[in-house]
PDB file of N, CA and C in Angstrom:
ATOM      1  N   MET A   1    -197.676 -67.665  34.196  1.00  0.00           N
ATOM      2  CA  MET A   1    -198.425 -68.837  33.644  1.00  0.00           C
ATOM      3  C   MET A   1    -198.874 -69.124  34.696  1.00  0.00           C
ATOM      4  N   LYS A   2    -200.318 -69.533  34.401  1.00  0.00           N
ATOM      5  CA  LYS A   2    -200.955 -70.774  36.026  1.00  0.00           C
ATOM      6  C   LYS A   2    -200.553 -71.770  35.787  1.00  0.00           C
ATOM      7  N   PRO A   3    -200.187 -73.132  36.583  1.00  0.00           N
ATOM      8  CA  PRO A   3    -199.874 -74.263  35.999  1.00  0.00           C
ATOM      9  C   PRO A   3    -201.013 -75.069  35.472  1.00  0.00           C
ATOM     10  N   SER A   4    -202.636 -74.477  35.331  1.00  0.00           N
ATOM     11  CA  SER A   4    -203.693 -75.234  34.729  1.00  0.00           C
ATOM     12  C   SER A   4    -203.491 -74.752  33.209  1.00  0.00           C
ATOM     13  N   ASP A   5    -202.832 -73.639  33.029  1.00  0.00           N
ATOM     14  CA  ASP A   5    -202.755 -73.281  31.629  1.00  0.00           C
ATOM     15  C   ASP A   5    -201.501 -74.017  30.462  1.00  0.00           C
ATOM     16  N   ALA A   6    -200.696 -74.280  31.365  1.00  0.00           N
ATOM     17  CA  ALA A   6    -199.247 -74.897  31.132  1.00  0.00           C
ATOM     18  C   ALA A   6    -199.838 -76.235  29.880  1.00  0.00           C
ATOM     19  N   ALA A   7    -199.103 -76.157  28.718  1.00  0.00           N
ATOM     20  CA  ALA A   7    -199.019 -77.219  28.335  1.00  0.00           C
ATOM     21  C   ALA A   7    -198.769 -78.581  28.316  1.00  0.00           C
ATOM     22  N   PRO A   8    -199.455 -79.591  28.775  1.00  0.00           N
ATOM     23  CA  PRO A   8    -198.762 -80.886  28.432  1.00  0.00           C
ATOM     24  C   PRO A   8    -197.631 -81.335  28.126  1.00  0.00           C
ATOM     25  N   HIS A   9    -196.530 -82.595  28.801  1.00  0.00           N
ATOM     26  CA  HIS A   9    -194.884 -82.373  27.913  1.00  0.00           C
ATOM     27  C   HIS A   9    -195.322 -83.012  27.182  1.00  0.00           C
ATOM     28  N   ALA A  10    -196.613 -83.704  26.319  1.00  0.00           N
ATOM     29  CA  ALA A  10    -196.231 -84.408  25.134  1.00  0.00           C
ATOM     30  C   ALA A  10    -196.759 -83.323  23.939  1.00  0.00           C
ATOM     31  N   GLU A  11    -197.384 -82.443  24.141  1.00  0.00           N
ATOM     32  CA  GLU A  11    -197.392 -81.181  23.467  1.00  0.00           C
ATOM     33  C   GLU A  11    -196.022 -80.398  22.409  1.00  0.00           C
ATOM     34  N   GLY A  12    -196.180 -80.305  21.694  1.00  0.00           N
ATOM     35  CA  GLY A  12    -194.288 -79.917  20.835  1.00  0.00           C
ATOM     36  C   GLY A  12    -194.432 -80.260  19.895  1.00  0.00           C
ATOM     37  N   PRO A  13    -193.748 -79.656  19.058  1.00  0.00           N
ATOM     38  CA  PRO A  13    -193.928 -80.270  17.523  1.00  0.00           C
ATOM     39  C   PRO A  13    -193.344 -80.909  16.767  1.00  0.00           C
ATOM     40  N   ASP A  14    -192.590 -82.003  18.083  1.00  0.00           N
ATOM     41  CA  ASP A  14    -192.718 -83.563  17.615  1.00  0.00           C
ATOM     42  C   ASP A  14    -193.772 -84.695  18.229  1.00  0.00           C
ATOM     43  N   ALA A  15    -194.917 -84.177  18.290  1.00  0.00           N
ATOM     44  CA  ALA A  15    -195.643 -84.453  19.398  1.00  0.00           C
ATOM     45  C   ALA A  15    -197.032 -84.809  18.622  1.00  0.00           C
ATOM     46  N   PRO A  16    -197.759 -86.337  18.611  1.00  0.00           N
ATOM     47  CA  PRO A  16    -198.451 -86.627  17.979  1.00  0.00           C
ATOM     48  C   PRO A  16    -199.374 -85.635  17.937  1.00  0.00           C
ATOM     49  N   ALA A  17    -199.916 -86.008  16.213  1.00  0.00           N
ATOM     50  CA  ALA A  17    -201.239 -85.055  16.300  1.00  0.00           C
ATOM     51  C   ALA A  17    -202.345 -85.567  16.880  1.00  0.00           C
ATOM     52  N   PRO A  18    -203.570 -84.954  17.491  1.00  0.00           N
ATOM     53  CA  PRO A  18    -204.232 -85.326  18.268  1.00  0.00           C
ATOM     54  C   PRO A  18    -205.265 -86.155  17.333  1.00  0.00           C
ATOM     55  N   ALA A  19    -205.786 -87.443  18.396  1.00  0.00           N
ATOM     56  CA  ALA A  19    -206.969 -88.063  17.309  1.00  0.00           C
ATOM     57  C   ALA A  19    -208.040 -87.141  17.598  1.00  0.00           C
ATOM     58  N   ALA A  20    -208.819 -87.527  16.112  1.00  0.00           N
ATOM     59  CA  ALA A  20    -210.012 -86.819  15.793  1.00  0.00           C
ATOM     60  C   ALA A  20    -211.195 -87.685  16.950  1.00  0.00           C
ATOM     61  N   GLN A  21    -211.688 -86.458  17.090  1.00  0.00           N
ATOM     62  CA  GLN A  21    -213.030 -87.007  18.103  1.00  0.00           C
ATOM     63  C   GLN A  21    -213.993 -86.964  17.324  1.00  0.00           C
ATOM     64  N   PRO A  22    -215.238 -87.439  17.634  1.00  0.00           N
ATOM     65  CA  PRO A  22    -216.304 -87.822  16.491  1.00  0.00           C
ATOM     66  C   PRO A  22    -216.948 -85.982  17.263  1.00  0.00           C
ATOM     67  N   GLY A  23    -217.148 -85.639  15.700  1.00  0.00           N
ATOM     68  CA  GLY A  23    -218.213 -84.848  15.667  1.00  0.00           C
ATOM     69  C   GLY A  23    -217.392 -83.546  15.836  1.00  0.00           C
ATOM     70  N   ASP A  24    -216.650 -83.110  15.617  1.00  0.00           N
ATOM     71  CA  ASP A  24    -215.051 -82.269  15.796  1.00  0.00           C
ATOM     72  C   ASP A  24    -214.924 -81.648  13.842  1.00  0.00           C
ATOM     73  N   GLY A  25    -215.554 -82.357  13.224  1.00  0.00           N
ATOM     74  CA  GLY A  25    -215.357 -82.039  11.934  1.00  0.00           C
ATOM     75  C   GLY A  25    -214.230 -82.732  11.209  1.00  0.00           C
ATOM     76  N   THR A  26    -212.998 -83.024  12.000  1.00  0.00           N
ATOM     77  CA  THR A  26    -212.224 -84.180  11.046  1.00  0.00           C
ATOM     78  C   THR A  26    -212.528 -85.173  10.519  1.00  0.00           C
ATOM     79  N   PRO A  27    -212.576 -85.442   9.745  1.00  0.00           N
ATOM     80  CA  PRO A  27    -212.930 -87.097   8.865  1.00  0.00           C
ATOM     81  C   PRO A  27    -211.953 -87.657   9.760  1.00  0.00           C
ATOM     82  N   ASP A  28    -212.747 -88.854   9.784  1.00  0.00           N
ATOM     83  CA  ASP A  28    -211.853 -90.563   9.836  1.00  0.00           C
ATOM     84  C   ASP A  28    -211.384 -91.005   8.777  1.00  0.00           C
ATOM     85  N   PRO A  29    -210.456 -91.308   9.494  1.00  0.00           N
ATOM     86  CA  PRO A  29    -209.188 -91.766   8.268  1.00  0.00           C
ATOM     87  C   PRO A  29    -209.387 -92.862   7.656  1.00  0.00           C
ATOM     88  N   ALA A  30    -210.368 -94.072   8.411  1.00  0.00           N
ATOM     89  CA  ALA A  30    -210.981 -95.094   8.104  1.00  0.00           C
ATOM     90  C   ALA A  30    -211.647 -95.116   6.703  1.00  0.00           C
ATOM     91  N   ASP A  31    -212.848 -93.556   7.286  1.00  0.00           N
ATOM     92  CA  ASP A  31    -213.596 -93.364   6.280  1.00  0.00           C
ATOM     93  C   ASP A  31    -213.441 -92.996   4.788  1.00  0.00           C
ATOM     94  N   LEU A  32    -211.634 -91.776   4.845  1.00  0.00           N
ATOM     95  CA  LEU A  32    -211.027 -91.418   3.683  1.00  0.00           C
ATOM     96  C   LEU A  32    -210.548 -92.441   2.869  1.00  0.00           C
ATOM     97  N   ALA A  33    -210.218 -93.394   3.849  1.00  0.00           N
ATOM     98  CA  ALA A  33    -209.344 -95.073   2.929  1.00  0.00           C
ATOM     99  C   ALA A  33    -211.108 -95.404   1.961  1.00  0.00           C
ATOM    100  N   ALA A  34    -211.719 -95.496   3.443  1.00  0.00           N
ATOM    101  CA  ALA A  34    -212.952 -96.294   2.411  1.00  0.00           C
ATOM    102  C   ALA A  34    -213.673 -95.710   1.042  1.00  0.00           C
ATOM    103  N   ASP A  35    -213.507 -94.405   1.222  1.00  0.00           N
ATOM    104  CA  ASP A  35    -213.924 -93.632   0.005  1.00  0.00           C
ATOM    105  C   ASP A  35    -213.395 -93.683  -1.043  1.00  0.00           C
ATOM    106  N   ALA A  36    -211.537 -93.650  -0.958  1.00  0.00           N
ATOM    107  CA  ALA A  36    -211.002 -94.027  -1.967  1.00  0.00           C
ATOM    108  C   ALA A  36    -210.790 -94.926  -3.028  1.00  0.00           C
ATOM    109  N   ALA A  37    -211.137 -95.863  -2.024  1.00  0.00           N
ATOM    110  CA  ALA A  37    -211.413 -97.264  -2.493  1.00  0.00           C
ATOM    111  C   ALA A  37    -212.607 -97.326  -3.251  1.00  0.00           C
ATOM    112  N   TYR A  38    -213.755 -96.817  -2.667  1.00  0.00           N
ATOM    113  CA  TYR A  38    -214.667 -96.807  -3.241  1.00  0.00           C
ATOM    114  C   TYR A  38    -214.361 -96.426  -4.821  1.00  0.00           C
ATOM    115  N   ALA A  39    -214.001 -95.203  -4.665  1.00  0.00           N
ATOM    116  CA  ALA A  39    -213.940 -94.158  -5.898  1.00  0.00           C
ATOM    117  C   ALA A  39    -212.876 -95.013  -6.773  1.00  0.00           C
ATOM    118  N   HIS A  40    -211.505 -95.615  -6.227  1.00  0.00           N
ATOM    119  CA  HIS A  40    -210.878 -96.415  -7.384  1.00  0.00           C
ATOM    120  C   HIS A  40    -211.117 -97.486  -7.851  1.00  0.00           C
ATOM    121  N   GLU A  41    -212.427 -98.425  -6.983  1.00  0.00           N
ATOM    122  CA  GLU A  41    -213.169 -99.026  -7.969  1.00  0.00           C
ATOM    123  C   GLU A  41    -214.080 -98.735  -9.065  1.00  0.00           C
ATOM    124  N   GLU A  42    -214.832 -97.970  -8.765  1.00  0.00           N
ATOM    125  CA  GLU A  42    -215.934 -96.771  -9.416  1.00  0.00           C
ATOM    126  C   GLU A  42    -215.238 -96.529 -10.746  1.00  0.00           C
ATOM    127  N   ALA A  43    -213.306 -95.831 -10.934  1.00  0.00           N
ATOM    128  CA  ALA A  43    -213.301 -95.933 -11.610  1.00  0.00           C
ATOM    129  C   ALA A  43    -212.953 -96.927 -12.855  1.00  0.00           C
ATOM    130  N   ILE A  44    -212.295 -98.197 -12.709  1.00  0.00           N
ATOM    131  CA  ILE A  44    -212.370 -99.461 -13.071  1.00  0.00           C
ATOM    132  C   ILE A  44    -213.052 -99.690 -13.287  1.00  0.00           C
ATOM    133  N   ARG A  45    -214.719 -99.647 -13.135  1.00  0.00           N
ATOM    134  CA  ARG A  45    -215.726-100.223 -13.352  1.00  0.00           C
ATOM    135  C   ARG A  45    -216.036 -99.351 -14.730  1.00  0.00           C
ATOM    136  N   ARG A  46    -215.561 -98.125 -14.923  1.00  0.00           N
ATOM    137  CA  ARG A  46    -216.179 -97.157 -15.737  1.00  0.00           C
ATOM    138  C   ARG A  46    -214.939 -97.503 -16.772  1.00  0.00           C
ATOM    139  N   ALA A  47    -213.985 -98.011 -16.946  1.00  0.00           N
ATOM    140  CA  ALA A  47    -212.455 -98.001 -17.959  1.00  0.00           C
ATOM    141  C   ALA A  47    -212.965 -99.293 -17.873  1.00  0.00           C
ATOM    142  N   ASP A  48    -213.800-100.172 -17.383  1.00  0.00           N
ATOM    143  CA  ASP A  48    -213.615-101.993 -17.751  1.00  0.00           C
ATOM    144  C   ASP A  48    -215.659-101.734 -19.074  1.00  0.00           C
ATOM    145  N   ALA A  49    -215.933-100.598 -18.701  1.00  0.00           N
ATOM    146  CA  ALA A  49    -217.345-100.892 -19.359  1.00  0.00           C
ATOM    147  C   ALA A  49    -217.159-100.107 -20.820  1.00  0.00           C
ATOM    148  N   ALA A  50    -216.406 -98.828 -20.614  1.00  0.00           N
ATOM    149  CA  ALA A  50    -214.983 -97.995 -21.589  1.00  0.00           C
ATOM    150  C   ALA A  50    -214.554 -99.222 -22.813  1.00  0.00           C
ATOM    151  N   LEU A  51    -213.467 -99.860 -22.755  1.00  0.00           N
ATOM    152  CA  LEU A  51    -212.953-100.552 -22.830  1.00  0.00           C
ATOM    153  C   LEU A  51    -213.535-101.929 -24.144  1.00  0.00           C
ATOM    154  N   ARG A  52    -214.809-102.151 -23.037  1.00  0.00           N
ATOM    155  CA  ARG A  52    -215.618-103.094 -23.858  1.00  0.00           C
ATOM    156  C   ARG A  52    -216.576-102.864 -24.916  1.00  0.00           C
ATOM    157  N   THR A  53    -216.903-101.136 -24.554  1.00  0.00           N
ATOM    158  CA  THR A  53    -217.648-100.945 -25.713  1.00  0.00           C
ATOM    159  C   THR A  53    -216.598-100.498 -26.496  1.00  0.00           C
ATOM    160  N   TYR A  54    -215.650 -99.944 -26.434  1.00  0.00           N
ATOM    161  CA  TYR A  54    -214.887-100.146 -27.512  1.00  0.00           C
ATOM    162  C   TYR A  54    -214.426-101.019 -28.051  1.00  0.00           C
ATOM    163  N   THR A  55    -214.031-101.993 -27.587  1.00  0.00           N
ATOM    164  CA  THR A  55    -213.727-103.031 -28.551  1.00  0.00           C
ATOM    165  C   THR A  55    -214.562-104.277 -29.160  1.00  0.00           C
ATOM    166  N   LEU A  56    -216.353-104.275 -28.358  1.00  0.00           N
ATOM    167  CA  LEU A  56    -217.359-105.071 -28.458  1.00  0.00           C
ATOM    168  C   LEU A  56    -217.650-104.159 -29.995  1.00  0.00           C
ATOM    169  N   SER A  57    -217.457-103.137 -30.231  1.00  0.00           N
ATOM    170  CA  SER A  57    -218.066-102.146 -31.406  1.00  0.00           C
ATOM    171  C   SER A  57    -217.649-102.993 -32.824  1.00  0.00           C
ATOM    172  N   GLU A  58    -218.060-102.646 -33.549  1.00  0.00           N
ATOM    173  CA  GLU A  58    -217.959-102.652 -34.846  1.00  0.00           C
ATOM    174  C   GLU A  58    -216.150-102.525 -35.517  1.00  0.00           C
ATOM    175  N   ASP A  59    -216.162-101.224 -34.766  1.00  0.00           N
ATOM    176  CA  ASP A  59    -214.717-101.335 -35.761  1.00  0.00           C
ATOM    177  C   ASP A  59    -213.761-101.664 -35.150  1.00  0.00           C
ATOM    178  N   GLY A  60    -214.313-102.136 -33.325  1.00  0.00           N
ATOM    179  CA  GLY A  60    -213.503-103.056 -32.816  1.00  0.00           C
ATOM    180  C   GLY A  60    -213.061-104.351 -32.562  1.00  0.00           C
ATOM    181  N   TRP A  61    -214.149-104.691 -33.642  1.00  0.00           N
ATOM    182  CA  TRP A  61    -213.654-106.262 -34.331  1.00  0.00           C
ATOM    183  C   TRP A  61    -212.772-106.236 -35.198  1.00  0.00           C
ATOM    184  N   ARG A  62    -213.116-105.103 -36.144  1.00  0.00           N
ATOM    185  CA  ARG A  62    -212.198-105.076 -37.353  1.00  0.00           C
ATOM    186  C   ARG A  62    -210.457-104.891 -37.363  1.00  0.00           C
ATOM    187  N   THR A  63    -210.592-103.700 -36.604  1.00  0.00           N
ATOM    188  CA  THR A  63    -208.903-103.345 -36.028  1.00  0.00           C
ATOM    189  C   THR A  63    -207.833-104.392 -35.253  1.00  0.00           C
ATOM    190  N   GLY A  64    -208.874-104.597 -34.019  1.00  0.00           N
ATOM    191  CA  GLY A  64    -208.080-105.861 -33.222  1.00  0.00           C
ATOM    192  C   GLY A  64    -208.015-104.881 -32.174  1.00  0.00           C
ATOM    193  N   PRO A  65    -207.680-106.124 -30.442  1.00  0.00           N
ATOM    194  CA  PRO A  65    -206.939-105.193 -29.278  1.00  0.00           C
ATOM    195  C   PRO A  65    -206.278-103.971 -29.640  1.00  0.00           C
ATOM    196  N   SER A  66    -204.882-104.291 -29.779  1.00  0.00           N
ATOM    197  CA  SER A  66    -203.984-103.050 -30.290  1.00  0.00           C
ATOM    198  C   SER A  66    -204.577-101.853 -30.459  1.00  0.00           C
ATOM    199  N   ALA A  67    -205.470-101.656 -31.966  1.00  0.00           N
ATOM    200  CA  ALA A  67    -205.943-100.531 -32.307  1.00  0.00           C
ATOM    201  C   ALA A  67    -206.800 -99.827 -32.026  1.00  0.00           C
ATOM    202  N   THR A  68    -207.619-100.742 -31.036  1.00  0.00           N
ATOM    203  CA  THR A  68    -208.696 -99.990 -30.184  1.00  0.00           C
ATOM    204  C   THR A  68    -208.585 -99.819 -29.197  1.00  0.00           C
ATOM    205  N   LEU A  69    -207.355-100.437 -28.721  1.00  0.00           N
ATOM    206  CA  LEU A  69    -206.800 -99.528 -27.409  1.00  0.00           C
ATOM    207  C   LEU A  69    -205.722 -98.403 -27.715  1.00  0.00           C
ATOM    208  N   GLN A  70    -205.485 -97.764 -28.606  1.00  0.00           N
ATOM    209  CA  GLN A  70    -204.530 -96.706 -29.506  1.00  0.00           C
ATOM    210  C   GLN A  70    -206.284 -96.000 -29.586  1.00  0.00           C
ATOM    211  N   ARG A  71    -206.875 -96.253 -30.225  1.00  0.00           N
ATOM    212  CA  ARG A  71    -208.301 -95.526 -30.523  1.00  0.00           C
ATOM    213  C   ARG A  71    -208.541 -94.743 -29.090  1.00  0.00           C
ATOM    214  N   MET A  72    -208.969 -95.701 -28.433  1.00  0.00           N
ATOM    215  CA  MET A  72    -209.327 -95.366 -26.779  1.00  0.00           C
ATOM    216  C   MET A  72    -208.461 -94.739 -26.252  1.00  0.00           C
ATOM    217  N   LEU A  73    -207.038 -94.889 -26.384  1.00  0.00           N
ATOM    218  CA  LEU A  73    -206.513 -93.784 -25.510  1.00  0.00           C
ATOM    219  C   LEU A  73    -205.894 -92.699 -26.138  1.00  0.00           C
ATOM    220  N   ALA A  74    -206.168 -92.686 -27.740  1.00  0.00           N
ATOM    221  CA  ALA A  74    -206.187 -91.269 -28.280  1.00  0.00           C
ATOM    222  C   ALA A  74    -207.293 -90.518 -28.097  1.00  0.00           C
ATOM    223  N   ASP A  75    -208.630 -90.947 -28.154  1.00  0.00           N
ATOM    224  CA  ASP A  75    -210.518 -90.408 -27.925  1.00  0.00           C
ATOM    225  C   ASP A  75    -209.821 -89.740 -26.418  1.00  0.00           C
ATOM    226  N   LEU A  76    -210.008 -90.500 -24.934  1.00  0.00           N
ATOM    227  CA  LEU A  76    -209.585 -90.288 -24.395  1.00  0.00           C
ATOM    228  C   LEU A  76    -208.069 -88.709 -24.059  1.00  0.00           C
ATOM    229  N   LEU A  77    -207.044 -88.889 -24.618  1.00  0.00           N
ATOM    230  CA  LEU A  77    -206.480 -88.034 -24.734  1.00  0.00           C
ATOM    231  C   LEU A  77    -206.975 -86.231 -25.166  1.00  0.00           C
ATOM    232  N   HIS A  78    -208.016 -86.760 -26.575  1.00  0.00           N
ATOM    233  CA  HIS A  78    -208.938 -85.619 -26.590  1.00  0.00           C
ATOM    234  C   HIS A  78    -209.168 -84.997 -25.740  1.00  0.00           C
ATOM    235  N   TRP A  79    -210.389 -86.012 -24.847  1.00  0.00           N
ATOM    236  CA  TRP A  79    -211.383 -85.729 -23.697  1.00  0.00           C
ATOM    237  C   TRP A  79    -210.309 -84.917 -23.082  1.00  0.00           C
ATOM    238  N   CYS A  80    -209.553 -85.241 -22.543  1.00  0.00           N
ATOM    239  CA  CYS A  80    -208.045 -84.471 -21.528  1.00  0.00           C
ATOM    240  C   CYS A  80    -208.205 -83.045 -22.157  1.00  0.00           C
ATOM    241  N   ASP A  81    -207.567 -83.065 -23.510  1.00  0.00           N
ATOM    242  CA  ASP A  81    -207.293 -81.412 -24.094  1.00  0.00           C
ATOM    243  C   ASP A  81    -208.874 -80.901 -23.591  1.00  0.00           C
ATOM    244  N   ASP A  82    -209.769 -81.307 -24.255  1.00  0.00           N
ATOM    245  CA  ASP A  82    -211.091 -80.352 -24.209  1.00  0.00           C
ATOM    246  C   ASP A  82    -211.450 -80.177 -22.722  1.00  0.00           C
ATOM    247  N   THR A  83    -211.378 -80.945 -21.666  1.00  0.00           N
ATOM    248  CA  THR A  83    -211.301 -81.030 -20.342  1.00  0.00           C
ATOM    249  C   THR A  83    -210.537 -79.484 -20.017  1.00  0.00           C
ATOM    250  N   GLN A  84    -209.286 -79.897 -19.716  1.00  0.00           N
ATOM    251  CA  GLN A  84    -208.779 -78.589 -19.432  1.00  0.00           C
ATOM    252  C   GLN A  84    -208.708 -77.391 -19.781  1.00  0.00           C
ATOM    253  N   ARG A  85    -209.014 -77.366 -21.123  1.00  0.00           N
ATOM    254  CA  ARG A  85    -209.186 -76.086 -22.085  1.00  0.00           C
ATOM    255  C   ARG A  85    -210.257 -75.810 -21.151  1.00  0.00           C
ATOM    256  N   ASP A  86    -211.384 -76.307 -21.572  1.00  0.00           N
ATOM    257  CA  ASP A  86    -212.761 -75.862 -21.047  1.00  0.00           C
ATOM    258  C   ASP A  86    -212.063 -74.933 -19.286  1.00  0.00           C
ATOM    259  N   PHE A  87    -211.636 -76.371 -18.292  1.00  0.00           N
ATOM    260  CA  PHE A  87    -211.034 -75.589 -17.249  1.00  0.00           C
ATOM    261  C   PHE A  87    -210.560 -74.772 -17.166  1.00  0.00           C
ATOM    262  N   GLY A  88    -209.804 -73.926 -17.688  1.00  0.00           N
ATOM    263  CA  GLY A  88    -208.580 -73.368 -18.045  1.00  0.00           C
ATOM    264  C   GLY A  88    -209.546 -72.219 -18.206  1.00  0.00           C
ATOM    265  N   THR A  89    -210.167 -72.053 -18.877  1.00  0.00           N
ATOM    266  CA  THR A  89    -211.209 -70.698 -19.645  1.00  0.00           C
ATOM    267  C   THR A  89    -212.132 -70.418 -18.110  1.00  0.00           C
ATOM    268  N   VAL A  90    -213.174 -71.811 -17.343  1.00  0.00           N
ATOM    269  CA  VAL A  90    -213.283 -71.216 -16.310  1.00  0.00           C
ATOM    270  C   VAL A  90    -212.921 -70.441 -15.063  1.00  0.00           C
ATOM    271  N   LEU A  91    -211.011 -71.340 -14.744  1.00  0.00           N
ATOM    272  CA  LEU A  91    -210.865 -70.709 -13.730  1.00  0.00           C
ATOM    273  C   LEU A  91    -210.080 -69.590 -13.765  1.00  0.00           C
ATOM    274  N   ALA A  92    -210.174 -68.814 -15.463  1.00  0.00           N
ATOM    275  CA  ALA A  92    -209.303 -67.455 -15.606  1.00  0.00           C
ATOM    276  C   ALA A  92    -210.204 -66.757 -15.237  1.00  0.00           C
ATOM    277  N   ARG A  93    -211.615 -67.146 -15.781  1.00  0.00           N
ATOM    278  CA  ARG A  93    -213.030 -66.210 -15.614  1.00  0.00           C
ATOM    279  C   ARG A  93    -212.940 -66.025 -13.298  1.00  0.00           C
ATOM    280  N   ALA A  94    -213.058 -67.458 -13.031  1.00  0.00           N
ATOM    281  CA  ALA A  94    -212.676 -67.139 -11.661  1.00  0.00           C
ATOM    282  C   ALA A  94    -212.464 -66.509 -10.771  1.00  0.00           C
ATOM    283  N   ARG A  95    -211.052 -66.593 -11.754  1.00  0.00           N
ATOM    284  CA  ARG A  95    -209.666 -65.422 -10.565  1.00  0.00           C
ATOM    285  C   ARG A  95    -209.860 -63.961 -11.456  1.00  0.00           C
ATOM    286  N   ASP A  96    -210.510 -63.569 -12.311  1.00  0.00           N
ATOM    287  CA  ASP A  96    -211.307 -62.538 -12.954  1.00  0.00           C
ATOM    288  C   ASP A  96    -212.098 -62.014 -12.132  1.00  0.00           C
ATOM    289  N   LEU A  97    -212.919 -62.498 -11.504  1.00  0.00           N
ATOM    290  CA  LEU A  97    -214.320 -62.373 -10.520  1.00  0.00           C
ATOM    291  C   LEU A  97    -213.516 -62.255  -9.177  1.00  0.00           C
ATOM    292  N   HIS A  98    -212.835 -63.124  -8.587  1.00  0.00           N
ATOM    293  CA  HIS A  98    -211.797 -63.045  -7.355  1.00  0.00           C
ATOM    294  C   HIS A  98    -211.315 -61.739  -7.337  1.00  0.00           C
ATOM    295  N   ALA A  99    -210.245 -61.202  -8.473  1.00  0.00           N
ATOM    296  CA  ALA A  99    -209.493 -60.297  -8.485  1.00  0.00           C
ATOM    297  C   ALA A  99    -210.986 -59.171  -8.261  1.00  0.00           C
ATOM    298  N   THR A 100    -211.812 -58.842  -8.924  1.00  0.00           N
ATOM    299  CA  THR A 100    -212.557 -57.709  -8.888  1.00  0.00           C
ATOM    300  C   THR A 100    -213.425 -57.723  -7.645  1.00  0.00           C
ATOM    301  N   GLU A 101    -213.855 -58.987  -7.012  1.00  0.00           N
ATOM    302  CA  GLU A 101    -214.246 -59.170  -5.511  1.00  0.00           C
ATOM    303  C   GLU A 101    -213.135 -58.379  -4.574  1.00  0.00           C
ATOM    304  N   ARG A 102    -211.485 -59.152  -4.784  1.00  0.00           N
ATOM    305  CA  ARG A 102    -210.944 -58.383  -3.569  1.00  0.00           C
ATOM    306  C   ARG A 102    -210.206 -57.154  -3.806  1.00  0.00           C
ATOM    307  N   GLY A 103    -211.254 -56.272  -5.037  1.00  0.00           N
ATOM    308  CA  GLY A 103    -210.613 -54.931  -5.326  1.00  0.00           C
ATOM    309  C   GLY A 103    -211.575 -54.417  -4.364  1.00  0.00           C
ATOM    310  N   THR A 104    -212.688 -54.951  -4.343  1.00  0.00           N
ATOM    311  CA  THR A 104    -213.990 -53.848  -3.563  1.00  0.00           C
ATOM    312  C   THR A 104    -214.659 -54.549  -2.651  1.00  0.00           C
ATOM    313  N   ASP A 105    -213.670 -55.725  -1.830  1.00  0.00           N
ATOM    314  CA  ASP A 105    -213.868 -55.667  -0.193  1.00  0.00           C
ATOM    315  C   ASP A 105    -212.983 -54.568   0.362  1.00  0.00           C
ATOM    316  N   ALA A 106    -211.867 -54.246   0.297  1.00  0.00           N
ATOM    317  CA  ALA A 106    -211.158 -53.012   1.215  1.00  0.00           C
ATOM    318  C   ALA A 106    -211.863 -52.011   1.502  1.00  0.00           C
TER     319      ALA A 106
END
């Protein structure tokens, strides 16, 4: 091996990962953190809006905060069940399509 091809001493399994270079396609960690913070804040705003909608509804005024929160959480669980079921159906179809395409790619 020529000296110019040798790896620098800092490289190896314990070496730090190279820093992202502009334009190399690697996302900037600061941008990722900012995106995550923004998404978190948006989720909080949506949850707050949902709670206000439930709380300020006619049923919300009649039943009180605890019962309103229980109702909202039950509705969210129903939504999660529906979403998971729908996702499972689409995922199964995608897996079938993938298997078919892999069988014809050979």
